Amino acid sequence: MPSFTDALLPALPDDAAMAALAGRVWRPDRAGPSVVAIRDGGVFDISPVFATMRDLCEAGDPAHALREAPGEHLGPLAKLLHNTVAGTRDAAKPWLLAPIDLQAIKAAGVTFAVSMLERVIEERARGDLAAAARLRDEVHGLIGDDLAKLRPGSPEAMRLKDVLIAQGAWSQYLEVGIGPDAEIFTKSQPMTAVGTGADAGIHPASSWNNPEPEIVLAVASTGRIVGAALGNDVNLRDVEGRSALLLGKAKDNNAATAIGPFLRFFDAGYALDDVRAADVSLTVAGEDGFVLEGGSSMSRISRDPADLVAQMLNAHHAYPDGAVLFLGTMFAPIKDREAPGKGFTHRTGDIVTVASPRLGRLVNRMRPTDQCERWTFGTAALMRNLAARGLLQPA
């Protein structure tokens, strides 16, 4: 098993030389975070021009603005990555953070047919792993796994809904999977996300949980999609399976939202169509020697990313500081780890790598939520810090 530090490299996209990449760095000498540009393997502080990532996302052309912004060289990316790992960090030197700040952190659920079926199983099994295995066979036999071809909200989807209700198999997860309304929920609060190299949290009360490898869209306050990153929407399957009303407990926990390694802004060489065609891979490497591999193909998403964004931000839902949106995953791990029929669940120390060729690699180590670095630097702290540094400018 590679060390956590070694797993962080390489972090950059395959075509990094062409990419408009922005991130955030904690600067101990400033007692706060800075927005940075990644250029030719170096990290450049552009916070005098863009005090927050929110401000950069609100620019008319973020990719162009990022490339034009002058910056202070903070050193090579590799050094900052090595210093990001909790437990071995030199607190006097800078380290990487999640590449977002004031944006609302939202997520779309049940956007792939495979994950939709797994949510139906979770709901009906109510957290019982053995029951889930039996129900998985039952649900597949009843409705198959070809729902990716079915357009949500279409007449065909509504006819299928009637059939499933008649057979007693209808579910609230099928409602948002094939009905007209997407599931858009609040994953976490602004400023809570952890970045690559950080420990990510699993609530110790959960005994059935998994990573969710996803693409995360960055959306300006106008609803314009400006870029993308990778994300891990950590999920407690047993908690959500007991009741969908426990979604907050299953999703919004300390360090349980990972985004990174950087935001890639849209430009002539990278746009929403590249997101639509992207493949996202996942590897979990455990200290016990267990390895889980999987992935998610955006080409199989049931709802278009632009439609999901439109359902998130519109005349009825405003986000003046913009938002980021997890797009969901088709990955649903069923590989046994503990014993036959028990499926997959995390163990402390698992190294999770979410990767995509044009977005890079997001790497996190799993820890109980109460053992991860506690979130203490919130919006008020950020505003005070930026004011003290003279970085808050009049509108």
Protein backbone atom coordinates (compact mmCIF):
# COMPACT_ATOMS: atom_id res chain seq x y z
CA MET A 1 0.00 0.00 0.00
CA PRO A 2 1.50 3.38 -0.99
CA SER A 3 1.97 6.00 1.72
CA PHE A 4 -0.63 8.73 1.93
CA THR A 5 1.96 11.32 0.90
CA ASP A 6 3.07 9.30 -2.14
CA ALA A 7 -0.56 8.79 -3.20
CA LEU A 8 -1.03 12.56 -3.54
CA LEU A 9 1.23 12.72 -6.59
CA PRO A 10 0.53 13.32 -9.38
CA ALA A 11 -2.35 15.66 -8.59
CA LEU A 12 -2.60 17.60 -11.84
CA PRO A 13 -4.71 16.87 -14.94
CA ASP A 14 -2.98 15.17 -17.87
CA ASP A 15 -3.23 18.41 -19.85
CA ALA A 16 -2.31 20.71 -16.96
CA ALA A 17 -0.16 22.92 -19.21
CA MET A 18 -3.34 24.01 -21.03
CA ALA A 19 -5.66 24.15 -18.02
CA ALA A 20 -6.86 27.19 -16.06
CA LEU A 21 -6.41 25.79 -12.55
CA ALA A 22 -7.16 27.62 -9.31
CA GLY A 23 -6.95 26.49 -5.72
CA ARG A 24 -6.71 27.72 -2.17
CA VAL A 25 -3.76 27.60 0.20
CA TRP A 26 -3.49 28.21 3.93
CA ARG A 27 -0.73 30.73 4.56
CA PRO A 28 0.54 30.61 8.15
CA ASP A 29 2.33 33.93 7.62
CA ARG A 30 -1.07 35.50 6.84
CA ALA A 31 -3.02 33.43 9.39
CA GLY A 32 -5.55 32.70 6.66
CA PRO A 33 -6.29 31.37 3.18
CA SER A 34 -5.25 32.68 -0.23
CA VAL A 35 -6.61 32.02 -3.70
CA VAL A 36 -3.84 30.63 -5.90
CA ALA A 37 -3.16 29.93 -9.56
CA ILE A 38 -1.33 26.75 -10.60
CA ARG A 39 1.16 27.60 -13.33
CA ASP A 40 3.93 25.38 -14.73
CA GLY A 41 4.04 23.32 -11.55
CA GLY A 42 4.24 26.40 -9.34
CA VAL A 43 1.74 27.92 -6.94
CA PHE A 44 1.06 31.67 -7.16
CA ASP A 45 -0.92 33.70 -4.63
CA ILE A 46 -3.39 35.94 -6.50
CA SER A 47 -5.40 37.02 -3.44
CA PRO A 48 -4.62 40.76 -3.89
CA VAL A 49 -6.68 40.52 -7.10
CA PHE A 50 -9.20 37.86 -6.03
CA ALA A 51 -9.59 37.73 -2.27
CA THR A 52 -11.98 34.76 -2.48
CA MET A 53 -12.67 31.96 -4.90
CA ARG A 54 -16.21 33.26 -4.97
CA ASP A 55 -14.91 36.52 -6.48
CA LEU A 56 -12.95 34.66 -9.16
CA CYS A 57 -16.00 32.56 -10.08
CA GLU A 58 -18.06 35.75 -10.44
CA ALA A 59 -15.63 37.25 -12.98
CA GLY A 60 -16.93 37.63 -16.53
CA ASP A 61 -14.31 35.17 -17.81
CA PRO A 62 -12.74 33.38 -14.83
CA ALA A 63 -10.21 31.43 -16.90
CA HIS A 64 -8.91 34.58 -18.58
CA ALA A 65 -8.92 36.53 -15.30
CA LEU A 66 -6.97 33.73 -13.60
CA ARG A 67 -4.33 33.68 -16.31
CA GLU A 68 -3.91 37.46 -16.25
CA ALA A 69 -3.76 37.90 -12.46
CA PRO A 70 -0.28 38.66 -11.10
CA GLY A 71 0.80 36.47 -8.23
CA GLU A 72 3.39 35.87 -5.54
CA HIS A 73 5.26 32.60 -6.05
CA LEU A 74 4.75 30.31 -3.04
CA GLY A 75 6.88 27.44 -4.33
CA PRO A 76 6.45 24.24 -6.32
CA LEU A 77 3.16 22.38 -6.05
CA ALA A 78 4.86 19.17 -4.89
CA LYS A 79 6.15 20.85 -1.72
CA LEU A 80 2.72 22.17 -0.80
CA LEU A 81 1.15 18.77 -1.45
CA HIS A 82 3.67 17.05 0.83
CA ASN A 83 2.99 19.62 3.53
CA THR A 84 -0.78 19.15 3.30
CA VAL A 85 -0.89 15.74 5.02
CA ALA A 86 -2.26 16.03 8.55
CA GLY A 87 0.05 14.70 11.23
CA THR A 88 3.28 15.38 9.32
CA ARG A 89 2.61 19.00 8.39
CA ASP A 90 5.04 21.82 9.10
CA ALA A 91 2.62 24.41 10.50
CA ALA A 92 4.99 27.22 9.56
CA LYS A 93 4.70 26.47 5.83
CA PRO A 94 1.70 26.73 3.45
CA TRP A 95 -0.58 23.82 2.59
CA LEU A 96 -3.50 23.17 0.24
CA LEU A 97 -7.17 23.61 1.09
CA ALA A 98 -10.38 22.78 -0.75
CA PRO A 99 -10.65 25.06 -3.82
CA ILE A 100 -13.91 26.76 -2.77
CA ASP A 101 -14.90 29.12 -0.01
CA LEU A 102 -18.17 31.10 0.19
CA GLN A 103 -20.16 29.00 -2.27
CA ALA A 104 -23.12 26.95 -1.08
CA ILE A 105 -22.28 23.23 -1.22
CA LYS A 106 -25.13 21.37 -2.91
CA ALA A 107 -25.52 17.86 -4.28
CA ALA A 108 -27.77 16.08 -6.74
CA GLY A 109 -28.83 12.60 -5.74
CA VAL A 110 -30.08 9.60 -7.66
CA THR A 111 -28.85 10.89 -11.03
CA PHE A 112 -27.67 7.50 -12.34
CA ALA A 113 -29.79 4.39 -12.80
CA VAL A 114 -27.40 2.12 -10.89
CA SER A 115 -27.19 4.40 -7.86
CA MET A 116 -30.96 4.84 -7.96
CA LEU A 117 -31.45 1.09 -7.64
CA GLU A 118 -29.03 1.04 -4.72
CA ARG A 119 -31.01 3.78 -2.96
CA VAL A 120 -34.20 1.75 -3.41
CA ILE A 121 -32.39 -1.21 -1.85
CA GLU A 122 -31.14 0.92 1.05
CA GLU A 123 -34.62 2.21 1.74
CA ARG A 124 -36.27 -1.19 1.72
CA ALA A 125 -33.46 -2.94 3.61
CA ARG A 126 -33.47 -0.26 6.35
CA GLY A 127 -29.75 -0.69 7.02
CA ASP A 128 -29.76 -4.52 7.06
CA LEU A 129 -26.87 -5.71 4.83
CA ALA A 130 -28.18 -9.26 4.44
CA ALA A 131 -31.62 -8.00 3.49
CA ALA A 132 -29.98 -5.63 1.01
CA ALA A 133 -28.31 -8.53 -0.82
CA ARG A 134 -31.65 -10.30 -1.22
CA LEU A 135 -33.45 -7.13 -2.25
CA ARG A 136 -30.79 -6.29 -4.83
CA ASP A 137 -31.65 -9.46 -6.74
CA GLU A 138 -35.37 -8.80 -6.32
CA VAL A 139 -35.25 -5.19 -7.56
CA HIS A 140 -33.06 -6.04 -10.55
CA GLY A 141 -35.47 -8.80 -11.47
CA LEU A 142 -38.41 -6.45 -11.25
CA ILE A 143 -37.17 -3.35 -13.08
CA GLY A 144 -33.76 -4.28 -14.53
CA ASP A 145 -30.88 -1.84 -14.73
CA ASP A 146 -31.58 -0.17 -18.06
CA LEU A 147 -33.23 2.96 -16.68
CA ALA A 148 -30.36 5.13 -17.91
CA LYS A 149 -32.16 5.22 -21.27
CA LEU A 150 -35.31 6.53 -19.66
CA ARG A 151 -35.71 10.32 -19.65
CA PRO A 152 -36.88 11.51 -16.22
CA GLY A 153 -40.35 13.03 -16.34
CA SER A 154 -41.17 11.59 -19.78
CA PRO A 155 -44.47 9.82 -20.50
CA GLU A 156 -42.55 6.52 -20.60
CA ALA A 157 -41.14 7.19 -17.14
CA MET A 158 -44.60 7.99 -15.78
CA ARG A 159 -45.98 4.73 -17.21
CA LEU A 160 -43.17 2.83 -15.49
CA LYS A 161 -44.06 4.63 -12.26
CA ASP A 162 -47.66 3.38 -12.53
CA VAL A 163 -46.45 -0.19 -13.06
CA LEU A 164 -44.13 -0.07 -10.07
CA ILE A 165 -46.82 1.37 -7.81
CA ALA A 166 -49.15 -1.43 -8.86
CA GLN A 167 -46.47 -3.98 -7.93
CA GLY A 168 -45.76 -2.36 -4.56
CA ALA A 169 -42.21 -1.46 -5.56
CA TRP A 170 -42.49 2.32 -5.81
CA SER A 171 -39.96 4.33 -3.83
CA GLN A 172 -39.16 7.95 -3.11
CA TYR A 173 -35.77 7.28 -4.74
CA LEU A 174 -37.48 6.19 -7.94
CA GLU A 175 -39.57 9.37 -7.73
CA VAL A 176 -36.50 11.59 -8.02
CA GLY A 177 -34.73 9.11 -10.31
CA ILE A 178 -37.35 9.05 -13.08
CA GLY A 179 -39.80 11.77 -12.06
CA PRO A 180 -39.68 15.40 -13.26
CA ASP A 181 -38.00 16.81 -10.14
CA ALA A 182 -34.36 16.13 -9.33
CA GLU A 183 -33.15 15.59 -5.79
CA ILE A 184 -31.07 18.65 -4.89
CA PHE A 185 -29.93 18.78 -1.29
CA THR A 186 -27.49 20.70 0.87
CA LYS A 187 -24.42 18.54 1.30
CA SER A 188 -22.61 20.82 3.73
CA GLN A 189 -22.05 24.44 4.68
CA PRO A 190 -19.81 27.02 2.99
CA MET A 191 -16.18 26.75 4.10
CA THR A 192 -16.56 23.15 5.39
CA ALA A 193 -15.10 21.15 2.50
CA VAL A 194 -11.70 19.50 2.85
CA GLY A 195 -9.25 19.30 -0.03
CA THR A 196 -6.82 16.76 -1.39
CA GLY A 197 -4.38 15.43 1.19
CA ALA A 198 -6.80 15.97 4.07
CA ASP A 199 -8.37 13.35 6.29
CA ALA A 200 -12.02 12.79 5.34
CA GLY A 201 -14.63 11.80 7.89
CA ILE A 202 -16.83 8.78 8.50
CA HIS A 203 -19.22 9.01 11.45
CA PRO A 204 -18.21 6.24 13.90
CA ALA A 205 -21.87 5.32 14.42
CA SER A 206 -21.98 3.98 10.84
CA SER A 207 -21.07 0.39 10.00
CA TRP A 208 -22.04 0.55 6.31
CA ASN A 209 -20.66 3.45 4.31
CA ASN A 210 -18.81 4.24 1.11
CA PRO A 211 -17.16 6.93 -1.01
CA GLU A 212 -19.05 8.50 -3.88
CA PRO A 213 -16.72 9.65 -6.71
CA GLU A 214 -18.27 12.61 -8.50
CA ILE A 215 -17.68 15.68 -10.62
CA VAL A 216 -18.53 18.95 -8.90
CA LEU A 217 -19.62 21.97 -10.95
CA ALA A 218 -18.77 25.53 -9.92
CA VAL A 219 -21.73 27.84 -10.59
CA ALA A 220 -21.75 31.64 -10.43
CA SER A 221 -24.59 33.54 -8.75
CA THR A 222 -26.19 34.11 -12.18
CA GLY A 223 -26.50 30.37 -12.78
CA ARG A 224 -23.59 30.33 -15.24
CA ILE A 225 -21.48 27.16 -14.96
CA VAL A 226 -17.86 28.31 -14.81
CA GLY A 227 -15.79 25.23 -14.01
CA ALA A 228 -15.46 21.81 -12.42
CA ALA A 229 -13.56 19.82 -9.82
CA LEU A 230 -13.59 16.32 -8.39
CA GLY A 231 -15.52 15.40 -5.26
CA ASN A 232 -16.15 12.63 -2.78
CA ASP A 233 -19.70 12.81 -1.43
CA VAL A 234 -19.08 10.49 1.52
CA ASN A 235 -22.24 8.52 2.33
CA LEU A 236 -23.42 6.58 5.39
CA ARG A 237 -25.58 3.96 3.70
CA ASP A 238 -26.99 2.45 6.87
CA VAL A 239 -28.05 5.83 8.25
CA GLU A 240 -29.74 7.03 5.07
CA GLY A 241 -31.16 3.56 4.53
CA ARG A 242 -33.03 3.69 7.85
CA SER A 243 -34.83 6.85 6.74
CA ALA A 244 -34.37 9.46 4.04
CA LEU A 245 -35.19 12.01 6.77
CA LEU A 246 -31.75 11.22 8.21
CA LEU A 247 -30.05 12.60 5.08
CA GLY A 248 -28.43 15.41 7.05
CA LYS A 249 -26.88 12.96 9.52
CA ALA A 250 -25.78 10.72 6.65
CA LYS A 251 -24.17 13.51 4.63
CA ASP A 252 -23.31 16.64 6.64
CA ASN A 253 -20.59 15.59 9.08
CA ASN A 254 -17.19 16.96 10.01
CA ALA A 255 -14.75 16.54 7.08
CA ALA A 256 -17.26 14.45 5.11
CA THR A 257 -17.17 16.69 2.02
CA ALA A 258 -14.01 16.45 -0.11
CA ILE A 259 -13.47 18.65 -3.17
CA GLY A 260 -10.34 19.17 -5.25
CA PRO A 261 -7.59 19.13 -6.02
CA PHE A 262 -8.31 22.34 -7.96
CA LEU A 263 -11.08 24.13 -9.81
CA ARG A 264 -10.64 23.90 -13.55
CA PHE A 265 -12.30 26.86 -15.21
CA PHE A 266 -14.04 26.52 -18.56
CA ASP A 267 -12.27 27.96 -21.59
CA ALA A 268 -11.81 27.13 -25.28
CA GLY A 269 -10.09 23.87 -24.41
CA TYR A 270 -12.34 22.61 -21.64
CA ALA A 271 -16.10 23.07 -21.31
CA LEU A 272 -19.33 21.47 -20.13
CA ASP A 273 -19.30 18.95 -22.98
CA ASP A 274 -16.00 17.63 -21.60
CA VAL A 275 -17.72 17.12 -18.25
CA ARG A 276 -20.58 15.31 -19.98
CA ALA A 277 -18.09 12.88 -21.56
CA ALA A 278 -15.83 12.42 -18.53
CA ASP A 279 -15.00 9.18 -16.77
CA VAL A 280 -14.28 9.29 -13.05
CA SER A 281 -12.30 6.48 -11.43
CA LEU A 282 -12.14 5.42 -7.81
CA THR A 283 -9.59 3.40 -5.85
CA VAL A 284 -9.81 2.53 -2.17
CA ALA A 285 -6.61 1.08 -0.68
CA GLY A 286 -6.91 -0.21 2.88
CA GLU A 287 -4.27 -0.80 5.51
CA ASP A 288 -5.59 -4.40 5.58
CA GLY A 289 -4.52 -4.90 1.94
CA PHE A 290 -8.08 -4.61 0.64
CA VAL A 291 -8.39 -2.81 -2.70
CA LEU A 292 -11.64 -1.60 -4.24
CA GLU A 293 -11.77 -0.15 -7.73
CA GLY A 294 -14.69 1.37 -9.55
CA GLY A 295 -15.81 4.42 -11.40
CA SER A 296 -18.56 6.48 -12.90
CA SER A 297 -19.17 7.47 -16.52
CA MET A 298 -20.84 10.83 -16.97
CA SER A 299 -22.15 9.71 -20.36
CA ARG A 300 -24.62 7.49 -18.46
CA ILE A 301 -26.10 10.20 -16.28
CA SER A 302 -29.89 10.27 -16.41
CA ARG A 303 -30.21 14.05 -16.12
CA ASP A 304 -28.07 16.54 -18.00
CA PRO A 305 -25.73 18.59 -15.77
CA ALA A 306 -27.18 21.85 -17.10
CA ASP A 307 -30.68 20.69 -16.11
CA LEU A 308 -29.45 19.84 -12.61
CA VAL A 309 -27.91 23.29 -12.24
CA ALA A 310 -31.14 24.91 -13.47
CA GLN A 311 -33.09 22.97 -10.83
CA MET A 312 -30.63 24.15 -8.18
CA LEU A 313 -30.36 27.86 -9.03
CA ASN A 314 -33.33 29.64 -10.60
CA ALA A 315 -35.99 32.26 -9.93
CA HIS A 316 -36.98 30.40 -6.76
CA HIS A 317 -33.50 29.61 -5.38
CA ALA A 318 -30.83 32.31 -5.21
CA TYR A 319 -27.20 31.93 -4.16
CA PRO A 320 -25.55 35.36 -4.16
CA ASP A 321 -22.12 33.82 -3.54
CA GLY A 322 -22.66 31.08 -6.11
CA ALA A 323 -22.71 27.38 -5.43
CA VAL A 324 -20.98 24.13 -6.21
CA LEU A 325 -23.01 21.08 -7.20
CA PHE A 326 -22.05 17.42 -6.84
CA LEU A 327 -23.51 15.70 -9.92
CA GLY A 328 -23.99 12.22 -8.43
CA THR A 329 -22.40 8.89 -9.23
CA MET A 330 -23.23 5.55 -10.77
CA PHE A 331 -20.72 3.89 -8.42
CA ALA A 332 -22.36 1.59 -5.88
CA PRO A 333 -19.85 -0.75 -4.19
CA ILE A 334 -21.05 -4.27 -3.40
CA LYS A 335 -17.66 -6.04 -3.22
CA ASP A 336 -17.45 -7.92 0.06
CA ARG A 337 -14.83 -6.80 2.54
CA GLU A 338 -15.59 -8.16 5.99
CA ALA A 339 -17.41 -11.39 5.07
CA PRO A 340 -19.48 -12.86 2.23
CA GLY A 341 -22.71 -10.96 1.80
CA LYS A 342 -21.59 -8.05 3.98
CA GLY A 343 -20.62 -5.75 1.09
CA PHE A 344 -18.15 -2.88 1.34
CA THR A 345 -17.62 -0.46 4.17
CA HIS A 346 -14.73 1.80 5.10
CA ARG A 347 -12.04 1.11 7.66
CA THR A 348 -9.95 3.77 9.34
CA GLY A 349 -6.87 4.51 7.26
CA ASP A 350 -8.40 3.78 3.86
CA ILE A 351 -6.81 5.92 1.16
CA VAL A 352 -9.45 7.02 -1.36
CA THR A 353 -8.42 8.34 -4.77
CA VAL A 354 -10.96 9.97 -7.08
CA ALA A 355 -9.44 10.73 -10.49
CA SER A 356 -10.30 11.93 -13.96
CA PRO A 357 -7.75 12.65 -16.70
CA ARG A 358 -8.71 16.29 -17.18
CA LEU A 359 -9.42 17.16 -13.54
CA GLY A 360 -6.54 15.45 -11.76
CA ARG A 361 -6.57 13.37 -8.57
CA LEU A 362 -8.36 13.98 -5.29
CA VAL A 363 -6.84 11.86 -2.51
CA ASN A 364 -8.10 11.56 1.07
CA ARG A 365 -7.49 9.30 4.04
CA MET A 366 -10.54 8.11 5.98
CA ARG A 367 -10.82 8.77 9.70
CA PRO A 368 -13.67 8.92 12.20
CA THR A 369 -15.27 12.35 12.02
CA ASP A 370 -14.27 13.22 15.59
CA GLN A 371 -10.62 12.43 14.77
CA CYS A 372 -10.46 14.64 11.68
CA GLU A 373 -9.36 18.25 11.90
CA ARG A 374 -12.35 20.13 13.26
CA TRP A 375 -13.90 22.88 11.14
CA THR A 376 -13.38 26.15 13.02
CA PHE A 377 -12.48 28.74 10.35
CA GLY A 378 -15.85 29.89 9.06
CA THR A 379 -17.17 32.84 7.09
CA ALA A 380 -16.83 35.34 9.94
CA ALA A 381 -13.20 34.31 10.48
CA LEU A 382 -12.52 34.66 6.75
CA MET A 383 -13.99 38.16 6.58
CA ARG A 384 -11.99 39.33 9.62
CA ASN A 385 -8.80 37.83 8.19
CA LEU A 386 -9.24 39.41 4.76
CA ALA A 387 -10.05 42.76 6.35
CA ALA A 388 -6.91 42.62 8.49
CA ARG A 389 -4.86 41.87 5.36
CA GLY A 390 -6.39 44.77 3.47
CA LEU A 391 -7.90 42.46 0.84
CA LEU A 392 -11.55 43.49 1.09
CA GLN A 393 -12.30 45.94 -1.68
CA PRO A 394 -15.43 48.08 -2.28
CA ALA A 395 -17.85 46.60 -4.80
